[in-house]
Each structure stands twice: as C-alpha cells, then as structure tokens.
Amino acid sequence: MADKLKITLVKSPIGAIPKHRRTVEALGLTKMHKTVELPNNAATKGMIAQVGYLLKVEEA
C-alpha cells in the first residue's frame, strides 16, 4: 500500500453543496486539474469518500 495518494480535481465543485466545496478546498485543490499528493491516512480517505465524485485518486 502506498503511503501517498495523488488526488486530482476533475469536476468543478461550483454546483456541489457548500460543505463539499469546503472539503475540496481543504484538500488543497483550488483549480480544475490541479493535483496534490497527500498522506494515505484515515482523515484523507474520509475526505475523499465525501467528495469522490469530483476527484480522481491514484496511489503515488
């Protein structure tokens, strides 16, 4: 299991509910197609589970 995840914003959060927009921003994703590397832990997985329909996730 990888210790990092590559997370890319592939769908705009404009139409999403406000809580999901804040979650995307908290992940560090501010623009479309921006990619960030975050640790593979429970907190990150929970955020991904909430807004997974906006993201593409890969193991780094």
PDB file of N, CA and C in Angstrom:
ATOM      1  N   MET A   1       0.840  -1.184   0.000  1.00  0.00           N
ATOM      2  CA  MET A   1       0.000   0.000   0.000  1.00  0.00           C
ATOM      3  C   MET A   1       0.886   1.249   0.000  1.00  0.00           C
ATOM      4  N   ALA A   2       0.557   2.190  -0.859  1.00  0.00           N
ATOM      5  CA  ALA A   2       1.346   3.411  -0.959  1.00  0.00           C
ATOM      6  C   ALA A   2       1.104   4.298   0.256  1.00  0.00           C
ATOM      7  N   ASP A   3       2.142   5.052   0.615  1.00  0.00           N
ATOM      8  CA  ASP A   3       1.994   5.950   1.753  1.00  0.00           C
ATOM      9  C   ASP A   3       1.516   7.335   1.321  1.00  0.00           C
ATOM     10  N   LYS A   4       1.397   7.567   0.006  1.00  0.00           N
ATOM     11  CA  LYS A   4       0.901   8.838  -0.519  1.00  0.00           C
ATOM     12  C   LYS A   4      -0.173   8.573  -1.575  1.00  0.00           C
ATOM     13  N   LEU A   5      -1.079   9.533  -1.720  1.00  0.00           N
ATOM     14  CA  LEU A   5      -2.113   9.477  -2.748  1.00  0.00           C
ATOM     15  C   LEU A   5      -2.005  10.709  -3.626  1.00  0.00           C
ATOM     16  N   LYS A   6      -2.130  10.509  -4.939  1.00  0.00           N
ATOM     17  CA  LYS A   6      -2.207  11.633  -5.872  1.00  0.00           C
ATOM     18  C   LYS A   6      -3.679  11.900  -6.133  1.00  0.00           C
ATOM     19  N   ILE A   7      -4.128  13.101  -5.804  1.00  0.00           N
ATOM     20  CA  ILE A   7      -5.536  13.458  -5.927  1.00  0.00           C
ATOM     21  C   ILE A   7      -5.664  14.603  -6.912  1.00  0.00           C
ATOM     22  N   THR A   8      -6.518  14.427  -7.922  1.00  0.00           N
ATOM     23  CA  THR A   8      -6.714  15.431  -8.965  1.00  0.00           C
ATOM     24  C   THR A   8      -8.178  15.843  -9.000  1.00  0.00           C
ATOM     25  N   LEU A   9      -8.425  17.142  -9.099  1.00  0.00           N
ATOM     26  CA  LEU A   9      -9.790  17.658  -9.223  1.00  0.00           C
ATOM     27  C   LEU A   9     -10.197  17.587 -10.687  1.00  0.00           C
ATOM     28  N   VAL A  10     -11.198  16.761 -11.019  1.00  0.00           N
ATOM     29  CA  VAL A  10     -11.598  16.561 -12.409  1.00  0.00           C
ATOM     30  C   VAL A  10     -12.981  17.122 -12.724  1.00  0.00           C
ATOM     31  N   LYS A  11     -13.744  17.483 -11.688  1.00  0.00           N
ATOM     32  CA  LYS A  11     -15.079  18.048 -11.906  1.00  0.00           C
ATOM     33  C   LYS A  11     -15.198  19.294 -11.048  1.00  0.00           C
ATOM     34  N   SER A  12     -15.821  20.314 -11.578  1.00  0.00           N
ATOM     35  CA  SER A  12     -15.948  21.579 -10.868  1.00  0.00           C
ATOM     36  C   SER A  12     -16.871  21.448  -9.653  1.00  0.00           C
ATOM     37  N   PRO A  13     -16.446  22.012  -8.516  1.00  0.00           N
ATOM     38  CA  PRO A  13     -17.294  21.974  -7.324  1.00  0.00           C
ATOM     39  C   PRO A  13     -18.315  23.109  -7.267  1.00  0.00           C
ATOM     40  N   ILE A  14     -18.477  23.861  -8.337  1.00  0.00           N
ATOM     41  CA  ILE A  14     -19.390  25.008  -8.332  1.00  0.00           C
ATOM     42  C   ILE A  14     -20.811  24.591  -7.972  1.00  0.00           C
ATOM     43  N   GLY A  15     -21.308  23.505  -8.528  1.00  0.00           N
ATOM     44  CA  GLY A  15     -22.676  23.069  -8.265  1.00  0.00           C
ATOM     45  C   GLY A  15     -22.822  22.186  -7.040  1.00  0.00           C
ATOM     46  N   ALA A  16     -21.707  21.881  -6.364  1.00  0.00           N
ATOM     47  CA  ALA A  16     -21.753  20.998  -5.201  1.00  0.00           C
ATOM     48  C   ALA A  16     -22.282  21.749  -3.981  1.00  0.00           C
ATOM     49  N   ILE A  17     -22.684  20.988  -2.980  1.00  0.00           N
ATOM     50  CA  ILE A  17     -23.171  21.638  -1.762  1.00  0.00           C
ATOM     51  C   ILE A  17     -21.986  22.320  -1.061  1.00  0.00           C
ATOM     52  N   PRO A  18     -22.250  23.375  -0.289  1.00  0.00           N
ATOM     53  CA  PRO A  18     -21.164  24.163   0.315  1.00  0.00           C
ATOM     54  C   PRO A  18     -20.177  23.346   1.147  1.00  0.00           C
ATOM     55  N   LYS A  19     -20.647  22.343   1.875  1.00  0.00           N
ATOM     56  CA  LYS A  19     -19.739  21.523   2.685  1.00  0.00           C
ATOM     57  C   LYS A  19     -18.733  20.794   1.803  1.00  0.00           C
ATOM     58  N   HIS A  20     -19.179  20.329   0.644  1.00  0.00           N
ATOM     59  CA  HIS A  20     -18.280  19.626  -0.269  1.00  0.00           C
ATOM     60  C   HIS A  20     -17.284  20.596  -0.893  1.00  0.00           C
ATOM     61  N   ARG A  21     -17.721  21.815  -1.187  1.00  0.00           N
ATOM     62  CA  ARG A  21     -16.797  22.820  -1.722  1.00  0.00           C
ATOM     63  C   ARG A  21     -15.683  23.112  -0.719  1.00  0.00           C
ATOM     64  N   ARG A  22     -16.031  23.207   0.560  1.00  0.00           N
ATOM     65  CA  ARG A  22     -15.021  23.467   1.593  1.00  0.00           C
ATOM     66  C   ARG A  22     -14.086  22.278   1.761  1.00  0.00           C
ATOM     67  N   THR A  23     -14.603  21.067   1.598  1.00  0.00           N
ATOM     68  CA  THR A  23     -13.764  19.871   1.694  1.00  0.00           C
ATOM     69  C   THR A  23     -12.746  19.834   0.569  1.00  0.00           C
ATOM     70  N   VAL A  24     -13.166  20.176  -0.648  1.00  0.00           N
ATOM     71  CA  VAL A  24     -12.242  20.213  -1.787  1.00  0.00           C
ATOM     72  C   VAL A  24     -11.151  21.249  -1.531  1.00  0.00           C
ATOM     73  N   GLU A  25     -11.523  22.388  -1.010  1.00  0.00           N
ATOM     74  CA  GLU A  25     -10.541  23.434  -0.707  1.00  0.00           C
ATOM     75  C   GLU A  25      -9.588  22.981   0.398  1.00  0.00           C
ATOM     76  N   ALA A  26     -10.101  22.264   1.387  1.00  0.00           N
ATOM     77  CA  ALA A  26      -9.268  21.765   2.480  1.00  0.00           C
ATOM     78  C   ALA A  26      -8.265  20.717   1.997  1.00  0.00           C
ATOM     79  N   LEU A  27      -8.599  20.018   0.929  1.00  0.00           N
ATOM     80  CA  LEU A  27      -7.654  19.066   0.335  1.00  0.00           C
ATOM     81  C   LEU A  27      -6.534  19.787  -0.415  1.00  0.00           C
ATOM     82  N   GLY A  28      -6.674  21.084  -0.619  1.00  0.00           N
ATOM     83  CA  GLY A  28      -5.648  21.859  -1.317  1.00  0.00           C
ATOM     84  C   GLY A  28      -5.911  21.990  -2.800  1.00  0.00           C
ATOM     85  N   LEU A  29      -7.129  21.648  -3.234  1.00  0.00           N
ATOM     86  CA  LEU A  29      -7.479  21.706  -4.649  1.00  0.00           C
ATOM     87  C   LEU A  29      -8.262  22.985  -4.920  1.00  0.00           C
ATOM     88  N   THR A  30      -7.623  23.922  -5.626  1.00  0.00           N
ATOM     89  CA  THR A  30      -8.252  25.217  -5.858  1.00  0.00           C
ATOM     90  C   THR A  30      -8.685  25.413  -7.303  1.00  0.00           C
ATOM     91  N   LYS A  31      -8.069  24.670  -8.226  1.00  0.00           N
ATOM     92  CA  LYS A  31      -8.386  24.823  -9.647  1.00  0.00           C
ATOM     93  C   LYS A  31      -8.604  23.459 -10.283  1.00  0.00           C
ATOM     94  N   MET A  32      -9.300  23.454 -11.384  1.00  0.00           N
ATOM     95  CA  MET A  32      -9.542  22.221 -12.133  1.00  0.00           C
ATOM     96  C   MET A  32      -8.215  21.617 -12.589  1.00  0.00           C
ATOM     97  N   HIS A  33      -8.125  20.307 -12.534  1.00  0.00           N
ATOM     98  CA  HIS A  33      -6.978  19.521 -12.989  1.00  0.00           C
ATOM     99  C   HIS A  33      -5.714  19.768 -12.177  1.00  0.00           C
ATOM    100  N   LYS A  34      -5.858  20.382 -10.997  1.00  0.00           N
ATOM    101  CA  LYS A  34      -4.729  20.521 -10.100  1.00  0.00           C
ATOM    102  C   LYS A  34      -4.558  19.205  -9.349  1.00  0.00           C
ATOM    103  N   THR A  35      -3.307  18.789  -9.141  1.00  0.00           N
ATOM    104  CA  THR A  35      -3.004  17.539  -8.456  1.00  0.00           C
ATOM    105  C   THR A  35      -2.204  17.830  -7.197  1.00  0.00           C
ATOM    106  N   VAL A  36      -2.566  17.168  -6.117  1.00  0.00           N
ATOM    107  CA  VAL A  36      -1.821  17.265  -4.868  1.00  0.00           C
ATOM    108  C   VAL A  36      -1.483  15.864  -4.382  1.00  0.00           C
ATOM    109  N   GLU A  37      -0.393  15.757  -3.623  1.00  0.00           N
ATOM    110  CA  GLU A  37      -0.022  14.491  -3.001  1.00  0.00           C
ATOM    111  C   GLU A  37      -0.267  14.622  -1.511  1.00  0.00           C
ATOM    112  N   LEU A  38      -1.088  13.740  -0.973  1.00  0.00           N
ATOM    113  CA  LEU A  38      -1.436  13.761   0.439  1.00  0.00           C
ATOM    114  C   LEU A  38      -1.157  12.391   1.043  1.00  0.00           C
ATOM    115  N   PRO A  39      -0.943  12.339   2.365  1.00  0.00           N
ATOM    116  CA  PRO A  39      -0.687  11.043   3.007  1.00  0.00           C
ATOM    117  C   PRO A  39      -1.912  10.140   2.950  1.00  0.00           C
ATOM    118  N   ASN A  40      -1.661   8.858   2.871  1.00  0.00           N
ATOM    119  CA  ASN A  40      -2.732   7.861   2.814  1.00  0.00           C
ATOM    120  C   ASN A  40      -3.115   7.491   4.245  1.00  0.00           C
ATOM    121  N   ASN A  41      -3.991   8.300   4.848  1.00  0.00           N
ATOM    122  CA  ASN A  41      -4.435   8.021   6.216  1.00  0.00           C
ATOM    123  C   ASN A  41      -5.954   8.118   6.288  1.00  0.00           C
ATOM    124  N   ALA A  42      -6.494   7.865   7.472  1.00  0.00           N
ATOM    125  CA  ALA A  42      -7.947   7.820   7.645  1.00  0.00           C
ATOM    126  C   ALA A  42      -8.605   9.172   7.364  1.00  0.00           C
ATOM    127  N   ALA A  43      -7.970  10.264   7.758  1.00  0.00           N
ATOM    128  CA  ALA A  43      -8.555  11.586   7.557  1.00  0.00           C
ATOM    129  C   ALA A  43      -8.673  11.900   6.062  1.00  0.00           C
ATOM    130  N   THR A  44      -7.623  11.623   5.326  1.00  0.00           N
ATOM    131  CA  THR A  44      -7.646  11.881   3.886  1.00  0.00           C
ATOM    132  C   THR A  44      -8.660  10.981   3.188  1.00  0.00           C
ATOM    133  N   LYS A  45      -8.721   9.719   3.576  1.00  0.00           N
ATOM    134  CA  LYS A  45      -9.675   8.792   2.958  1.00  0.00           C
ATOM    135  C   LYS A  45     -11.115   9.214   3.224  1.00  0.00           C
ATOM    136  N   GLY A  46     -11.383   9.745   4.406  1.00  0.00           N
ATOM    137  CA  GLY A  46     -12.726  10.222   4.726  1.00  0.00           C
ATOM    138  C   GLY A  46     -13.135  11.401   3.866  1.00  0.00           C
ATOM    139  N   MET A  47     -12.183  12.315   3.629  1.00  0.00           N
ATOM    140  CA  MET A  47     -12.466  13.469   2.774  1.00  0.00           C
ATOM    141  C   MET A  47     -12.703  13.019   1.337  1.00  0.00           C
ATOM    142  N   ILE A  48     -11.905  12.061   0.878  1.00  0.00           N
ATOM    143  CA  ILE A  48     -12.066  11.534  -0.478  1.00  0.00           C
ATOM    144  C   ILE A  48     -13.412  10.841  -0.622  1.00  0.00           C
ATOM    145  N   ALA A  49     -13.831  10.106   0.399  1.00  0.00           N
ATOM    146  CA  ALA A  49     -15.117   9.414   0.347  1.00  0.00           C
ATOM    147  C   ALA A  49     -16.269  10.401   0.222  1.00  0.00           C
ATOM    148  N   GLN A  50     -16.121  11.569   0.841  1.00  0.00           N
ATOM    149  CA  GLN A  50     -17.193  12.563   0.821  1.00  0.00           C
ATOM    150  C   GLN A  50     -17.323  13.224  -0.554  1.00  0.00           C
ATOM    151  N   VAL A  51     -16.199  13.537  -1.199  1.00  0.00           N
ATOM    152  CA  VAL A  51     -16.243  14.277  -2.465  1.00  0.00           C
ATOM    153  C   VAL A  51     -15.610  13.489  -3.607  1.00  0.00           C
ATOM    154  N   GLY A  52     -15.646  12.169  -3.518  1.00  0.00           N
ATOM    155  CA  GLY A  52     -15.029  11.319  -4.527  1.00  0.00           C
ATOM    156  C   GLY A  52     -15.568  11.510  -5.923  1.00  0.00           C
ATOM    157  N   TYR A  53     -16.817  11.977  -6.053  1.00  0.00           N
ATOM    158  CA  TYR A  53     -17.409  12.185  -7.368  1.00  0.00           C
ATOM    159  C   TYR A  53     -16.780  13.375  -8.106  1.00  0.00           C
ATOM    160  N   LEU A  54     -15.954  14.157  -7.425  1.00  0.00           N
ATOM    161  CA  LEU A  54     -15.281  15.299  -8.048  1.00  0.00           C
ATOM    162  C   LEU A  54     -13.804  15.009  -8.329  1.00  0.00           C
ATOM    163  N   LEU A  55     -13.298  13.872  -7.854  1.00  0.00           N
ATOM    164  CA  LEU A  55     -11.870  13.616  -7.837  1.00  0.00           C
ATOM    165  C   LEU A  55     -11.460  12.388  -8.644  1.00  0.00           C
ATOM    166  N   LYS A  56     -10.168  12.356  -8.972  1.00  0.00           N
ATOM    167  CA  LYS A  56      -9.514  11.150  -9.480  1.00  0.00           C
ATOM    168  C   LYS A  56      -8.380  10.853  -8.507  1.00  0.00           C
ATOM    169  N   VAL A  57      -8.335   9.641  -7.996  1.00  0.00           N
ATOM    170  CA  VAL A  57      -7.359   9.278  -6.964  1.00  0.00           C
ATOM    171  C   VAL A  57      -6.475   8.161  -7.479  1.00  0.00           C
ATOM    172  N   GLU A  58      -5.149   8.323  -7.294  1.00  0.00           N
ATOM    173  CA  GLU A  58      -4.173   7.309  -7.682  1.00  0.00           C
ATOM    174  C   GLU A  58      -3.185   7.128  -6.540  1.00  0.00           C
ATOM    175  N   GLU A  59      -2.570   5.956  -6.448  1.00  0.00           N
ATOM    176  CA  GLU A  59      -1.502   5.753  -5.486  1.00  0.00           C
ATOM    177  C   GLU A  59      -0.238   6.342  -6.057  1.00  0.00           C
ATOM    178  N   ALA A  60       0.518   7.039  -5.200  1.00  0.00           N
ATOM    179  CA  ALA A  60       1.765   7.688  -5.657  1.00  0.00           C
ATOM    180  C   ALA A  60       2.966   6.848  -5.307  1.00  0.00           C
TER     181      ALA A  60
END
